[in-house]
Amino acid sequence: MNKINEEPVMVGSIVAAVMAFVAMGVSLGWFGLEAEQMGAIREFLVQALPLAVPVVILVGGWWGRQHAVSVDKLERNNIIVNRLK
């Protein structure tokens, strides 16, 4: 699965946001980067971003699971599930 070809807008948006932050940092003097280094950062982001997508999905699934409550657990605690909306 190649996320760069499947989700070019998402990948482009994230790369643009990170590069805008880096460019702002360079213009404000926070970072001392040359044009070659900026290009290398952009290329790294384009290559590494598809690897980050599964990690984000796994973390999101774990977080969601931590906040889920089963119907059985609610009923064991005398909560009437039919009245919940």
PDB file of N, CA and C in Angstrom:
ATOM      1  N   MET A   1       0.847  -1.170   0.000  1.00  0.00           N
ATOM      2  CA  MET A   1       0.000   0.000   0.000  1.00  0.00           C
ATOM      3  C   MET A   1       0.900   1.244   0.000  1.00  0.00           C
ATOM      4  N   ASN A   2       0.744   2.082  -0.998  1.00  0.00           N
ATOM      5  CA  ASN A   2       1.565   3.265  -1.145  1.00  0.00           C
ATOM      6  C   ASN A   2       0.736   4.501  -0.843  1.00  0.00           C
ATOM      7  N   LYS A   3       0.877   5.040   0.379  1.00  0.00           N
ATOM      8  CA  LYS A   3       0.058   6.172   0.816  1.00  0.00           C
ATOM      9  C   LYS A   3       0.347   7.426   0.003  1.00  0.00           C
ATOM     10  N   ILE A   4       1.543   7.570  -0.529  1.00  0.00           N
ATOM     11  CA  ILE A   4       1.856   8.758  -1.314  1.00  0.00           C
ATOM     12  C   ILE A   4       0.980   8.799  -2.558  1.00  0.00           C
ATOM     13  N   ASN A   5       0.744   7.656  -3.190  1.00  0.00           N
ATOM     14  CA  ASN A   5      -0.116   7.621  -4.370  1.00  0.00           C
ATOM     15  C   ASN A   5      -1.588   7.603  -4.005  1.00  0.00           C
ATOM     16  N   GLU A   6      -1.957   6.994  -2.863  1.00  0.00           N
ATOM     17  CA  GLU A   6      -3.357   6.880  -2.472  1.00  0.00           C
ATOM     18  C   GLU A   6      -3.884   8.144  -1.810  1.00  0.00           C
ATOM     19  N   GLU A   7      -3.069   8.822  -1.045  1.00  0.00           N
ATOM     20  CA  GLU A   7      -3.494  10.009  -0.286  1.00  0.00           C
ATOM     21  C   GLU A   7      -2.540  11.176  -0.532  1.00  0.00           C
ATOM     22  N   PRO A   8      -2.434  11.636  -1.780  1.00  0.00           N
ATOM     23  CA  PRO A   8      -1.448  12.698  -2.048  1.00  0.00           C
ATOM     24  C   PRO A   8      -1.778  14.016  -1.363  1.00  0.00           C
ATOM     25  N   VAL A   9      -3.059  14.313  -1.165  1.00  0.00           N
ATOM     26  CA  VAL A   9      -3.420  15.578  -0.519  1.00  0.00           C
ATOM     27  C   VAL A   9      -3.023  15.559   0.950  1.00  0.00           C
ATOM     28  N   MET A  10      -3.282  14.429   1.638  1.00  0.00           N
ATOM     29  CA  MET A  10      -2.918  14.319   3.043  1.00  0.00           C
ATOM     30  C   MET A  10      -1.405  14.418   3.212  1.00  0.00           C
ATOM     31  N   VAL A  11      -0.669  13.663   2.419  1.00  0.00           N
ATOM     32  CA  VAL A  11       0.791  13.676   2.523  1.00  0.00           C
ATOM     33  C   VAL A  11       1.330  15.059   2.199  1.00  0.00           C
ATOM     34  N   GLY A  12       0.818  15.658   1.135  1.00  0.00           N
ATOM     35  CA  GLY A  12       1.276  16.995   0.756  1.00  0.00           C
ATOM     36  C   GLY A  12       0.966  18.035   1.809  1.00  0.00           C
ATOM     37  N   SER A  13      -0.193  17.935   2.427  1.00  0.00           N
ATOM     38  CA  SER A  13      -0.581  18.899   3.463  1.00  0.00           C
ATOM     39  C   SER A  13       0.326  18.798   4.685  1.00  0.00           C
ATOM     40  N   ILE A  14       0.619  17.587   5.101  1.00  0.00           N
ATOM     41  CA  ILE A  14       1.480  17.412   6.273  1.00  0.00           C
ATOM     42  C   ILE A  14       2.897  17.877   5.975  1.00  0.00           C
ATOM     43  N   VAL A  15       3.406  17.531   4.797  1.00  0.00           N
ATOM     44  CA  VAL A  15       4.752  17.968   4.418  1.00  0.00           C
ATOM     45  C   VAL A  15       4.799  19.497   4.339  1.00  0.00           C
ATOM     46  N   ALA A  16       3.766  20.101   3.741  1.00  0.00           N
ATOM     47  CA  ALA A  16       3.732  21.563   3.627  1.00  0.00           C
ATOM     48  C   ALA A  16       3.677  22.227   4.997  1.00  0.00           C
ATOM     49  N   ALA A  17       2.907  21.655   5.921  1.00  0.00           N
ATOM     50  CA  ALA A  17       2.810  22.241   7.255  1.00  0.00           C
ATOM     51  C   ALA A  17       4.151  22.177   7.980  1.00  0.00           C
ATOM     52  N   VAL A  18       4.814  21.037   7.918  1.00  0.00           N
ATOM     53  CA  VAL A  18       6.115  20.903   8.583  1.00  0.00           C
ATOM     54  C   VAL A  18       7.147  21.820   7.934  1.00  0.00           C
ATOM     55  N   MET A  19       7.143  21.872   6.611  1.00  0.00           N
ATOM     56  CA  MET A  19       8.110  22.715   5.917  1.00  0.00           C
ATOM     57  C   MET A  19       7.842  24.191   6.185  1.00  0.00           C
ATOM     58  N   ALA A  20       6.570  24.573   6.339  1.00  0.00           N
ATOM     59  CA  ALA A  20       6.255  25.964   6.670  1.00  0.00           C
ATOM     60  C   ALA A  20       6.799  26.308   8.054  1.00  0.00           C
ATOM     61  N   PHE A  21       6.668  25.385   8.995  1.00  0.00           N
ATOM     62  CA  PHE A  21       7.214  25.615  10.334  1.00  0.00           C
ATOM     63  C   PHE A  21       8.738  25.731  10.278  1.00  0.00           C
ATOM     64  N   VAL A  22       9.384  24.846   9.526  1.00  0.00           N
ATOM     65  CA  VAL A  22      10.849  24.887   9.421  1.00  0.00           C
ATOM     66  C   VAL A  22      11.284  26.191   8.744  1.00  0.00           C
ATOM     67  N   ALA A  23      10.584  26.597   7.676  1.00  0.00           N
ATOM     68  CA  ALA A  23      10.931  27.847   6.985  1.00  0.00           C
ATOM     69  C   ALA A  23      10.743  29.045   7.908  1.00  0.00           C
ATOM     70  N   MET A  24       9.690  29.025   8.721  1.00  0.00           N
ATOM     71  CA  MET A  24       9.476  30.101   9.677  1.00  0.00           C
ATOM     72  C   MET A  24      10.631  30.137  10.686  1.00  0.00           C
ATOM     73  N   GLY A  25      11.042  28.954  11.152  1.00  0.00           N
ATOM     74  CA  GLY A  25      12.152  28.890  12.090  1.00  0.00           C
ATOM     75  C   GLY A  25      13.450  29.407  11.500  1.00  0.00           C
ATOM     76  N   VAL A  26      13.683  29.113  10.223  1.00  0.00           N
ATOM     77  CA  VAL A  26      14.892  29.606   9.555  1.00  0.00           C
ATOM     78  C   VAL A  26      14.827  31.126   9.424  1.00  0.00           C
ATOM     79  N   SER A  27      13.658  31.650   9.011  1.00  0.00           N
ATOM     80  CA  SER A  27      13.548  33.099   8.819  1.00  0.00           C
ATOM     81  C   SER A  27      13.635  33.865  10.141  1.00  0.00           C
ATOM     82  N   LEU A  28      13.192  33.250  11.224  1.00  0.00           N
ATOM     83  CA  LEU A  28      13.285  33.901  12.529  1.00  0.00           C
ATOM     84  C   LEU A  28      14.630  33.663  13.221  1.00  0.00           C
ATOM     85  N   GLY A  29      15.474  32.861  12.612  1.00  0.00           N
ATOM     86  CA  GLY A  29      16.793  32.615  13.169  1.00  0.00           C
ATOM     87  C   GLY A  29      16.829  31.505  14.201  1.00  0.00           C
ATOM     88  N   TRP A  30      15.736  30.741  14.326  1.00  0.00           N
ATOM     89  CA  TRP A  30      15.710  29.625  15.276  1.00  0.00           C
ATOM     90  C   TRP A  30      16.597  28.486  14.790  1.00  0.00           C
ATOM     91  N   PHE A  31      16.611  28.276  13.473  1.00  0.00           N
ATOM     92  CA  PHE A  31      17.395  27.194  12.858  1.00  0.00           C
ATOM     93  C   PHE A  31      18.337  27.822  11.838  1.00  0.00           C
ATOM     94  N   GLY A  32      19.521  27.280  11.742  1.00  0.00           N
ATOM     95  CA  GLY A  32      20.468  27.730  10.727  1.00  0.00           C
ATOM     96  C   GLY A  32      20.603  26.659   9.651  1.00  0.00           C
ATOM     97  N   LEU A  33      19.662  26.621   8.729  1.00  0.00           N
ATOM     98  CA  LEU A  33      19.654  25.578   7.703  1.00  0.00           C
ATOM     99  C   LEU A  33      19.894  26.180   6.322  1.00  0.00           C
ATOM    100  N   GLU A  34      20.585  25.420   5.493  1.00  0.00           N
ATOM    101  CA  GLU A  34      20.800  25.803   4.102  1.00  0.00           C
ATOM    102  C   GLU A  34      19.705  25.192   3.232  1.00  0.00           C
ATOM    103  N   ALA A  35      19.660  25.602   1.975  1.00  0.00           N
ATOM    104  CA  ALA A  35      18.646  25.110   1.049  1.00  0.00           C
ATOM    105  C   ALA A  35      18.749  23.594   0.863  1.00  0.00           C
ATOM    106  N   GLU A  36      19.969  23.065   0.832  1.00  0.00           N
ATOM    107  CA  GLU A  36      20.155  21.618   0.682  1.00  0.00           C
ATOM    108  C   GLU A  36      19.574  20.867   1.877  1.00  0.00           C
ATOM    109  N   GLN A  37      19.772  21.404   3.062  1.00  0.00           N
ATOM    110  CA  GLN A  37      19.242  20.761   4.261  1.00  0.00           C
ATOM    111  C   GLN A  37      17.717  20.812   4.282  1.00  0.00           C
ATOM    112  N   MET A  38      17.145  21.928   3.838  1.00  0.00           N
ATOM    113  CA  MET A  38      15.689  22.033   3.756  1.00  0.00           C
ATOM    114  C   MET A  38      15.138  20.995   2.780  1.00  0.00           C
ATOM    115  N   GLY A  39      15.812  20.822   1.649  1.00  0.00           N
ATOM    116  CA  GLY A  39      15.393  19.811   0.677  1.00  0.00           C
ATOM    117  C   GLY A  39      15.499  18.404   1.241  1.00  0.00           C
ATOM    118  N   ALA A  40      16.546  18.149   2.019  1.00  0.00           N
ATOM    119  CA  ALA A  40      16.704  16.830   2.623  1.00  0.00           C
ATOM    120  C   ALA A  40      15.610  16.570   3.655  1.00  0.00           C
ATOM    121  N   ILE A  41      15.228  17.588   4.417  1.00  0.00           N
ATOM    122  CA  ILE A  41      14.143  17.429   5.383  1.00  0.00           C
ATOM    123  C   ILE A  41      12.839  17.118   4.663  1.00  0.00           C
ATOM    124  N   ARG A  42      12.567  17.856   3.576  1.00  0.00           N
ATOM    125  CA  ARG A  42      11.340  17.614   2.807  1.00  0.00           C
ATOM    126  C   ARG A  42      11.322  16.203   2.241  1.00  0.00           C
ATOM    127  N   GLU A  43      12.427  15.761   1.693  1.00  0.00           N
ATOM    128  CA  GLU A  43      12.500  14.415   1.119  1.00  0.00           C
ATOM    129  C   GLU A  43      12.305  13.351   2.208  1.00  0.00           C
ATOM    130  N   PHE A  44      12.900  13.561   3.362  1.00  0.00           N
ATOM    131  CA  PHE A  44      12.702  12.634   4.474  1.00  0.00           C
ATOM    132  C   PHE A  44      11.232  12.551   4.860  1.00  0.00           C
ATOM    133  N   LEU A  45      10.568  13.695   4.953  1.00  0.00           N
ATOM    134  CA  LEU A  45       9.151  13.694   5.319  1.00  0.00           C
ATOM    135  C   LEU A  45       8.313  12.931   4.306  1.00  0.00           C
ATOM    136  N   VAL A  46       8.586  13.145   3.035  1.00  0.00           N
ATOM    137  CA  VAL A  46       7.826  12.447   1.990  1.00  0.00           C
ATOM    138  C   VAL A  46       8.034  10.942   2.091  1.00  0.00           C
ATOM    139  N   GLN A  47       9.246  10.514   2.404  1.00  0.00           N
ATOM    140  CA  GLN A  47       9.540   9.085   2.484  1.00  0.00           C
ATOM    141  C   GLN A  47       9.065   8.463   3.794  1.00  0.00           C
ATOM    142  N   ALA A  48       9.130   9.192   4.908  1.00  0.00           N
ATOM    143  CA  ALA A  48       8.828   8.623   6.222  1.00  0.00           C
ATOM    144  C   ALA A  48       7.359   8.715   6.596  1.00  0.00           C
ATOM    145  N   LEU A  49       6.617   9.638   6.000  1.00  0.00           N
ATOM    146  CA  LEU A  49       5.225   9.835   6.392  1.00  0.00           C
ATOM    147  C   LEU A  49       4.363   8.593   6.218  1.00  0.00           C
ATOM    148  N   PRO A  50       4.503   7.833   5.133  1.00  0.00           N
ATOM    149  CA  PRO A  50       3.682   6.609   5.032  1.00  0.00           C
ATOM    150  C   PRO A  50       3.967   5.600   6.141  1.00  0.00           C
ATOM    151  N   LEU A  51       5.146   5.623   6.724  1.00  0.00           N
ATOM    152  CA  LEU A  51       5.455   4.728   7.837  1.00  0.00           C
ATOM    153  C   LEU A  51       4.783   5.182   9.127  1.00  0.00           C
ATOM    154  N   ALA A  52       4.506   6.475   9.239  1.00  0.00           N
ATOM    155  CA  ALA A  52       3.883   7.013  10.442  1.00  0.00           C
ATOM    156  C   ALA A  52       2.387   6.725  10.486  1.00  0.00           C
ATOM    157  N   VAL A  53       1.763   6.513   9.346  1.00  0.00           N
ATOM    158  CA  VAL A  53       0.314   6.300   9.300  1.00  0.00           C
ATOM    159  C   VAL A  53      -0.104   5.070  10.109  1.00  0.00           C
ATOM    160  N   PRO A  54       0.537   3.900   9.951  1.00  0.00           N
ATOM    161  CA  PRO A  54       0.138   2.760  10.787  1.00  0.00           C
ATOM    162  C   PRO A  54       0.342   3.000  12.277  1.00  0.00           C
ATOM    163  N   VAL A  55       1.387   3.735  12.638  1.00  0.00           N
ATOM    164  CA  VAL A  55       1.622   4.027  14.053  1.00  0.00           C
ATOM    165  C   VAL A  55       0.495   4.891  14.608  1.00  0.00           C
ATOM    166  N   VAL A  56       0.076   5.889  13.865  1.00  0.00           N
ATOM    167  CA  VAL A  56      -1.022   6.754  14.311  1.00  0.00           C
ATOM    168  C   VAL A  56      -2.311   5.949  14.444  1.00  0.00           C
ATOM    169  N   ILE A  57      -2.557   5.043  13.508  1.00  0.00           N
ATOM    170  CA  ILE A  57      -3.758   4.207  13.571  1.00  0.00           C
ATOM    171  C   ILE A  57      -3.716   3.303  14.802  1.00  0.00           C
ATOM    172  N   LEU A  58      -2.579   2.708  15.085  1.00  0.00           N
ATOM    173  CA  LEU A  58      -2.453   1.845  16.263  1.00  0.00           C
ATOM    174  C   LEU A  58      -2.634   2.632  17.557  1.00  0.00           C
ATOM    175  N   VAL A  59      -2.038   3.812  17.646  1.00  0.00           N
ATOM    176  CA  VAL A  59      -2.191   4.629  18.850  1.00  0.00           C
ATOM    177  C   VAL A  59      -3.639   5.074  19.004  1.00  0.00           C
ATOM    178  N   GLY A  60      -4.281   5.446  17.904  1.00  0.00           N
ATOM    179  CA  GLY A  60      -5.690   5.832  17.958  1.00  0.00           C
ATOM    180  C   GLY A  60      -6.581   4.687  18.398  1.00  0.00           C
ATOM    181  N   GLY A  61      -6.312   3.495  17.906  1.00  0.00           N
ATOM    182  CA  GLY A  61      -7.077   2.321  18.331  1.00  0.00           C
ATOM    183  C   GLY A  61      -6.878   2.009  19.800  1.00  0.00           C
ATOM    184  N   TRP A  62      -5.633   2.109  20.265  1.00  0.00           N
ATOM    185  CA  TRP A  62      -5.361   1.869  21.681  1.00  0.00           C
ATOM    186  C   TRP A  62      -6.072   2.909  22.545  1.00  0.00           C
ATOM    187  N   TRP A  63      -5.993   4.191  22.159  1.00  0.00           N
ATOM    188  CA  TRP A  63      -6.629   5.255  22.922  1.00  0.00           C
ATOM    189  C   TRP A  63      -8.141   5.061  22.962  1.00  0.00           C
ATOM    190  N   GLY A  64      -8.728   4.716  21.812  1.00  0.00           N
ATOM    191  CA  GLY A  64     -10.166   4.485  21.770  1.00  0.00           C
ATOM    192  C   GLY A  64     -10.583   3.313  22.638  1.00  0.00           C
ATOM    193  N   ARG A  65      -9.785   2.275  22.648  1.00  0.00           N
ATOM    194  CA  ARG A  65     -10.092   1.094  23.461  1.00  0.00           C
ATOM    195  C   ARG A  65     -10.046   1.425  24.944  1.00  0.00           C
ATOM    196  N   GLN A  66      -9.146   2.313  25.343  1.00  0.00           N
ATOM    197  CA  GLN A  66      -9.045   2.705  26.751  1.00  0.00           C
ATOM    198  C   GLN A  66     -10.280   3.479  27.225  1.00  0.00           C
ATOM    199  N   HIS A  67     -11.003   4.084  26.287  1.00  0.00           N
ATOM    200  CA  HIS A  67     -12.162   4.896  26.639  1.00  0.00           C
ATOM    201  C   HIS A  67     -13.487   4.210  26.340  1.00  0.00           C
ATOM    202  N   ALA A  68     -13.443   2.961  25.937  1.00  0.00           N
ATOM    203  CA  ALA A  68     -14.666   2.217  25.627  1.00  0.00           C
ATOM    204  C   ALA A  68     -15.124   1.425  26.848  1.00  0.00           C
ATOM    205  N   VAL A  69     -16.442   1.304  26.987  1.00  0.00           N
ATOM    206  CA  VAL A  69     -17.027   0.540  28.091  1.00  0.00           C
ATOM    207  C   VAL A  69     -18.013  -0.452  27.483  1.00  0.00           C
ATOM    208  N   SER A  70     -17.914  -1.699  27.883  1.00  0.00           N
ATOM    209  CA  SER A  70     -18.797  -2.716  27.327  1.00  0.00           C
ATOM    210  C   SER A  70     -20.185  -2.635  27.960  1.00  0.00           C
ATOM    211  N   VAL A  71     -21.173  -3.132  27.238  1.00  0.00           N
ATOM    212  CA  VAL A  71     -22.545  -3.159  27.737  1.00  0.00           C
ATOM    213  C   VAL A  71     -22.634  -4.043  28.979  1.00  0.00           C
ATOM    214  N   ASP A  72     -21.922  -5.158  28.970  1.00  0.00           N
ATOM    215  CA  ASP A  72     -21.933  -6.054  30.131  1.00  0.00           C
ATOM    216  C   ASP A  72     -21.432  -5.352  31.394  1.00  0.00           C
ATOM    217  N   LYS A  73     -20.368  -4.578  31.251  1.00  0.00           N
ATOM    218  CA  LYS A  73     -19.822  -3.869  32.410  1.00  0.00           C
ATOM    219  C   LYS A  73     -20.818  -2.826  32.917  1.00  0.00           C
ATOM    220  N   LEU A  74     -21.502  -2.152  32.015  1.00  0.00           N
ATOM    221  CA  LEU A  74     -22.513  -1.182  32.430  1.00  0.00           C
ATOM    222  C   LEU A  74     -23.650  -1.874  33.177  1.00  0.00           C
ATOM    223  N   GLU A  75     -24.096  -3.007  32.644  1.00  0.00           N
ATOM    224  CA  GLU A  75     -25.195  -3.730  33.289  1.00  0.00           C
ATOM    225  C   GLU A  75     -24.782  -4.292  34.647  1.00  0.00           C
ATOM    226  N   ARG A  76     -23.537  -4.728  34.791  1.00  0.00           N
ATOM    227  CA  ARG A  76     -23.051  -5.215  36.090  1.00  0.00           C
ATOM    228  C   ARG A  76     -23.039  -4.109  37.131  1.00  0.00           C
ATOM    229  N   ASN A  77     -22.899  -2.860  36.677  1.00  0.00           N
ATOM    230  CA  ASN A  77     -22.890  -1.717  37.596  1.00  0.00           C
ATOM    231  C   ASN A  77     -24.257  -1.066  37.713  1.00  0.00           C
ATOM    232  N   ASN A  78     -25.296  -1.832  37.379  1.00  0.00           N
ATOM    233  CA  ASN A  78     -26.690  -1.391  37.525  1.00  0.00           C
ATOM    234  C   ASN A  78     -27.026  -0.135  36.733  1.00  0.00           C
ATOM    235  N   ILE A  79     -26.443  -0.007  35.549  1.00  0.00           N
ATOM    236  CA  ILE A  79     -26.775   1.102  34.652  1.00  0.00           C
ATOM    237  C   ILE A  79     -27.717   0.551  33.586  1.00  0.00           C
ATOM    238  N   ILE A  80     -28.854   1.173  33.420  1.00  0.00           N
ATOM    239  CA  ILE A  80     -29.845   0.696  32.455  1.00  0.00           C
ATOM    240  C   ILE A  80     -29.414   1.189  31.070  1.00  0.00           C
ATOM    241  N   VAL A  81     -28.958   0.251  30.261  1.00  0.00           N
ATOM    242  CA  VAL A  81     -28.379   0.573  28.963  1.00  0.00           C
ATOM    243  C   VAL A  81     -29.440   1.093  28.010  1.00  0.00           C
ATOM    244  N   ASN A  82     -30.659   0.614  28.083  1.00  0.00           N
ATOM    245  CA  ASN A  82     -31.709   1.036  27.163  1.00  0.00           C
ATOM    246  C   ASN A  82     -32.036   2.516  27.285  1.00  0.00           C
ATOM    247  N   ARG A  83     -31.755   3.122  28.427  1.00  0.00           N
ATOM    248  CA  ARG A  83     -32.072   4.527  28.640  1.00  0.00           C
ATOM    249  C   ARG A  83     -30.953   5.460  28.214  1.00  0.00           C
ATOM    250  N   LEU A  84     -29.796   4.915  27.910  1.00  0.00           N
ATOM    251  CA  LEU A  84     -28.667   5.734  27.477  1.00  0.00           C
ATOM    252  C   LEU A  84     -28.857   6.155  26.025  1.00  0.00           C
ATOM    253  N   LYS A  85     -28.648   7.403  25.764  1.00  0.00           N
ATOM    254  CA  LYS A  85     -28.757   7.900  24.378  1.00  0.00           C
ATOM    255  C   LYS A  85     -27.634   8.820  24.071  1.00  0.00           C
TER     256      LYS A  85
END
